Amino acid sequence: MHSALIHPSLADCRRLFLRNYEVFINIGVHDFEKRGEQRVVINVDLFVPLAMSTPVEDKLREVVDYDFMRATIARRVEQGHIHLQETLCDDLVKIMLAHPQVRAARVSTEKPDVYPDCDAVGVEVFRIKDA
């Protein structure tokens, strides 16, 4: 899962993460999925250069705030029905990468209640900001 950590362009980064953030959203392509919300578990990893995220004054303004990840997810899911987990992941990664301090982002979504014989079905996207 964290093979991104060995990517050479991330060697000077710290990894911030939001783990197992559970939301209830309207997602899916089938008619029965469009009638109500489903539980979706979202994970985010942000890679931020140490030079941009090492606090000198021990102040929140010196780092990427965890609230940024949660608020980004909340704003996206409030926009209405999403057909595909792929769309949700792509949208979230794009917004995360728009943050000036973020060099790379990994986002995964899981729908844990789709099949009774597995833990979840999901999608993961990893992108590094163009230099």
C-alpha atoms as a PDB file:
ATOM      1  CA  MET A   1       0.000   0.000   0.000  1.00  0.00           C
ATOM      2  CA  HIS A   2       2.761   2.448   0.738  1.00  0.00           C
ATOM      3  CA  SER A   3       5.026   1.650  -2.202  1.00  0.00           C
ATOM      4  CA  ALA A   4       4.682   5.345  -3.053  1.00  0.00           C
ATOM      5  CA  LEU A   5       7.053   6.050  -0.193  1.00  0.00           C
ATOM      6  CA  ILE A   6       9.933   4.606  -2.205  1.00  0.00           C
ATOM      7  CA  HIS A   7       9.353   6.884  -5.192  1.00  0.00           C
ATOM      8  CA  PRO A   8      12.484   9.058  -5.508  1.00  0.00           C
ATOM      9  CA  SER A   9      10.563  12.331  -5.746  1.00  0.00           C
ATOM     10  CA  LEU A  10       8.957  11.655  -2.363  1.00  0.00           C
ATOM     11  CA  ALA A  11      12.143  10.872  -0.436  1.00  0.00           C
ATOM     12  CA  ASP A  12      12.140  14.335   1.146  1.00  0.00           C
ATOM     13  CA  CYS A  13       8.442  14.257   2.105  1.00  0.00           C
ATOM     14  CA  ARG A  14       6.393  13.586   5.154  1.00  0.00           C
ATOM     15  CA  ARG A  15       3.166  11.625   4.727  1.00  0.00           C
ATOM     16  CA  LEU A  16      -0.029  12.985   6.231  1.00  0.00           C
ATOM     17  CA  PHE A  17      -2.973  10.653   6.321  1.00  0.00           C
ATOM     18  CA  LEU A  18      -6.679  10.441   6.949  1.00  0.00           C
ATOM     19  CA  ARG A  19      -7.567   6.846   7.678  1.00  0.00           C
ATOM     20  CA  ASN A  20     -10.936   5.120   7.338  1.00  0.00           C
ATOM     21  CA  TYR A  21     -13.050   8.262   7.111  1.00  0.00           C
ATOM     22  CA  GLU A  22     -16.618   6.985   6.865  1.00  0.00           C
ATOM     23  CA  VAL A  23     -19.219   8.941   4.935  1.00  0.00           C
ATOM     24  CA  PHE A  24     -22.722   8.149   3.743  1.00  0.00           C
ATOM     25  CA  ILE A  25     -23.188   9.334   0.181  1.00  0.00           C
ATOM     26  CA  ASN A  26     -25.371   8.825  -2.855  1.00  0.00           C
ATOM     27  CA  ILE A  27     -23.118   6.811  -5.152  1.00  0.00           C
ATOM     28  CA  GLY A  28     -23.650   4.142  -7.775  1.00  0.00           C
ATOM     29  CA  VAL A  29     -24.870   3.416 -11.279  1.00  0.00           C
ATOM     30  CA  HIS A  30     -27.738   1.051 -10.485  1.00  0.00           C
ATOM     31  CA  ASP A  31     -31.259   2.332  -9.893  1.00  0.00           C
ATOM     32  CA  PHE A  32     -31.379   0.921  -6.359  1.00  0.00           C
ATOM     33  CA  GLU A  33     -28.143   2.780  -5.550  1.00  0.00           C
ATOM     34  CA  LYS A  34     -29.614   6.085  -6.703  1.00  0.00           C
ATOM     35  CA  ARG A  35     -32.462   5.865  -4.198  1.00  0.00           C
ATOM     36  CA  GLY A  36     -30.374   6.246  -1.052  1.00  0.00           C
ATOM     37  CA  GLU A  37     -27.012   6.691   0.517  1.00  0.00           C
ATOM     38  CA  GLN A  38     -24.296   4.079   0.853  1.00  0.00           C
ATOM     39  CA  ARG A  39     -21.487   3.812   3.338  1.00  0.00           C
ATOM     40  CA  VAL A  40     -18.142   4.684   1.768  1.00  0.00           C
ATOM     41  CA  VAL A  41     -14.796   4.547   3.545  1.00  0.00           C
ATOM     42  CA  ILE A  42     -12.196   7.018   2.295  1.00  0.00           C
ATOM     43  CA  ASN A  43      -8.452   7.014   2.892  1.00  0.00           C
ATOM     44  CA  VAL A  44      -6.102   9.824   1.937  1.00  0.00           C
ATOM     45  CA  ASP A  45      -2.316  10.123   1.980  1.00  0.00           C
ATOM     46  CA  LEU A  46      -0.717  13.468   1.214  1.00  0.00           C
ATOM     47  CA  PHE A  47       2.999  13.799   0.580  1.00  0.00           C
ATOM     48  CA  VAL A  48       4.379  17.180   1.575  1.00  0.00           C
ATOM     49  CA  PRO A  49       8.039  18.207   1.244  1.00  0.00           C
ATOM     50  CA  LEU A  50       9.713  18.494   4.632  1.00  0.00           C
ATOM     51  CA  ALA A  51      11.000  21.927   3.635  1.00  0.00           C
ATOM     52  CA  MET A  52       7.366  23.087   3.337  1.00  0.00           C
ATOM     53  CA  SER A  53       5.971  21.292   6.357  1.00  0.00           C
ATOM     54  CA  THR A  54       8.535  21.391   9.136  1.00  0.00           C
ATOM     55  CA  PRO A  55       7.210  23.774  11.755  1.00  0.00           C
ATOM     56  CA  VAL A  56       9.617  26.307  13.199  1.00  0.00           C
ATOM     57  CA  GLU A  57       7.165  28.016  15.544  1.00  0.00           C
ATOM     58  CA  ASP A  58       4.993  24.956  16.333  1.00  0.00           C
ATOM     59  CA  LYS A  59       2.021  26.687  14.673  1.00  0.00           C
ATOM     60  CA  LEU A  60      -0.772  25.115  12.618  1.00  0.00           C
ATOM     61  CA  ARG A  61      -0.299  27.671   9.833  1.00  0.00           C
ATOM     62  CA  GLU A  62       3.105  26.100   9.081  1.00  0.00           C
ATOM     63  CA  VAL A  63       1.692  22.740   8.004  1.00  0.00           C
ATOM     64  CA  VAL A  64      -1.105  21.214   5.939  1.00  0.00           C
ATOM     65  CA  ASP A  65      -4.070  21.004   8.288  1.00  0.00           C
ATOM     66  CA  TYR A  66      -5.886  17.655   8.545  1.00  0.00           C
ATOM     67  CA  ASP A  67      -9.139  19.616   8.279  1.00  0.00           C
ATOM     68  CA  PHE A  68      -8.176  20.332   4.665  1.00  0.00           C
ATOM     69  CA  MET A  69      -8.599  16.640   3.805  1.00  0.00           C
ATOM     70  CA  ARG A  70     -11.931  16.260   5.612  1.00  0.00           C
ATOM     71  CA  ALA A  71     -13.338  19.532   4.264  1.00  0.00           C
ATOM     72  CA  THR A  72     -12.276  18.652   0.712  1.00  0.00           C
ATOM     73  CA  ILE A  73     -14.125  15.335   0.925  1.00  0.00           C
ATOM     74  CA  ALA A  74     -17.202  16.952   2.467  1.00  0.00           C
ATOM     75  CA  ARG A  75     -17.402  19.620  -0.255  1.00  0.00           C
ATOM     76  CA  ARG A  76     -17.113  17.029  -3.008  1.00  0.00           C
ATOM     77  CA  VAL A  77     -19.731  14.639  -1.677  1.00  0.00           C
ATOM     78  CA  GLU A  78     -22.148  17.529  -1.038  1.00  0.00           C
ATOM     79  CA  GLN A  79     -22.232  18.199  -4.795  1.00  0.00           C
ATOM     80  CA  GLY A  80     -24.733  15.394  -5.323  1.00  0.00           C
ATOM     81  CA  HIS A  81     -24.928  11.941  -6.828  1.00  0.00           C
ATOM     82  CA  ILE A  82     -21.715  10.323  -8.017  1.00  0.00           C
ATOM     83  CA  HIS A  83     -21.945   7.367 -10.374  1.00  0.00           C
ATOM     84  CA  LEU A  84     -18.480   5.864  -9.970  1.00  0.00           C
ATOM     85  CA  GLN A  85     -15.913   5.470  -7.227  1.00  0.00           C
ATOM     86  CA  GLU A  86     -13.332   6.183  -9.930  1.00  0.00           C
ATOM     87  CA  THR A  87     -14.857   9.637 -10.444  1.00  0.00           C
ATOM     88  CA  LEU A  88     -14.854  10.341  -6.722  1.00  0.00           C
ATOM     89  CA  CYS A  89     -11.197   9.288  -6.351  1.00  0.00           C
ATOM     90  CA  ASP A  90     -10.097  11.277  -9.400  1.00  0.00           C
ATOM     91  CA  ASP A  91     -11.914  14.393  -8.204  1.00  0.00           C
ATOM     92  CA  LEU A  92     -10.472  14.144  -4.698  1.00  0.00           C
ATOM     93  CA  VAL A  93      -6.906  13.569  -5.891  1.00  0.00           C
ATOM     94  CA  LYS A  94      -7.153  16.563  -8.227  1.00  0.00           C
ATOM     95  CA  ILE A  95      -8.349  18.846  -5.435  1.00  0.00           C
ATOM     96  CA  MET A  96      -5.740  17.528  -2.965  1.00  0.00           C
ATOM     97  CA  LEU A  97      -2.961  18.158  -5.497  1.00  0.00           C
ATOM     98  CA  ALA A  98      -4.167  21.726  -5.993  1.00  0.00           C
ATOM     99  CA  HIS A  99      -2.965  22.545  -2.472  1.00  0.00           C
ATOM    100  CA  PRO A 100       0.324  24.432  -2.939  1.00  0.00           C
ATOM    101  CA  GLN A 101       2.210  22.373  -0.342  1.00  0.00           C
ATOM    102  CA  VAL A 102       1.131  18.920  -1.576  1.00  0.00           C
ATOM    103  CA  ARG A 103       3.509  17.128  -3.951  1.00  0.00           C
ATOM    104  CA  ALA A 104       1.623  13.832  -4.249  1.00  0.00           C
ATOM    105  CA  ALA A 105      -1.657  12.328  -3.138  1.00  0.00           C
ATOM    106  CA  ARG A 106      -3.176   8.896  -2.787  1.00  0.00           C
ATOM    107  CA  VAL A 107      -6.932   8.483  -2.367  1.00  0.00           C
ATOM    108  CA  SER A 108      -8.880   5.282  -1.983  1.00  0.00           C
ATOM    109  CA  THR A 109     -12.592   4.662  -1.613  1.00  0.00           C
ATOM    110  CA  GLU A 110     -14.273   1.486  -0.451  1.00  0.00           C
ATOM    111  CA  LYS A 111     -17.879   0.387  -0.448  1.00  0.00           C
ATOM    112  CA  PRO A 112     -17.939  -2.154   2.399  1.00  0.00           C
ATOM    113  CA  ASP A 113     -21.577  -3.193   2.097  1.00  0.00           C
ATOM    114  CA  VAL A 114     -21.788  -4.262  -1.552  1.00  0.00           C
ATOM    115  CA  TYR A 115     -21.083  -7.986  -1.289  1.00  0.00           C
ATOM    116  CA  PRO A 116     -21.606 -10.247   1.703  1.00  0.00           C
ATOM    117  CA  ASP A 117     -18.593 -12.436   0.890  1.00  0.00           C
ATOM    118  CA  CYS A 118     -15.836  -9.776   0.936  1.00  0.00           C
ATOM    119  CA  ASP A 119     -14.758  -6.845   3.088  1.00  0.00           C
ATOM    120  CA  ALA A 120     -15.158  -4.179   0.422  1.00  0.00           C
ATOM    121  CA  VAL A 121     -14.873  -3.170  -3.203  1.00  0.00           C
ATOM    122  CA  GLY A 122     -12.975  -0.047  -4.072  1.00  0.00           C
ATOM    123  CA  VAL A 123     -10.675   2.117  -6.080  1.00  0.00           C
ATOM    124  CA  GLU A 124      -7.327   3.733  -5.390  1.00  0.00           C
ATOM    125  CA  VAL A 125      -5.581   6.542  -7.261  1.00  0.00           C
ATOM    126  CA  PHE A 126      -2.053   7.857  -6.735  1.00  0.00           C
ATOM    127  CA  ARG A 127      -0.705  10.948  -8.480  1.00  0.00           C
ATOM    128  CA  ILE A 128       2.414  13.065  -8.228  1.00  0.00           C
ATOM    129  CA  LYS A 129       2.126  16.745  -9.073  1.00  0.00           C
ATOM    130  CA  ASP A 130       3.853  17.725 -12.295  1.00  0.00           C
ATOM    131  CA  ALA A 131       7.142  19.461 -11.582  1.00  0.00           C
END
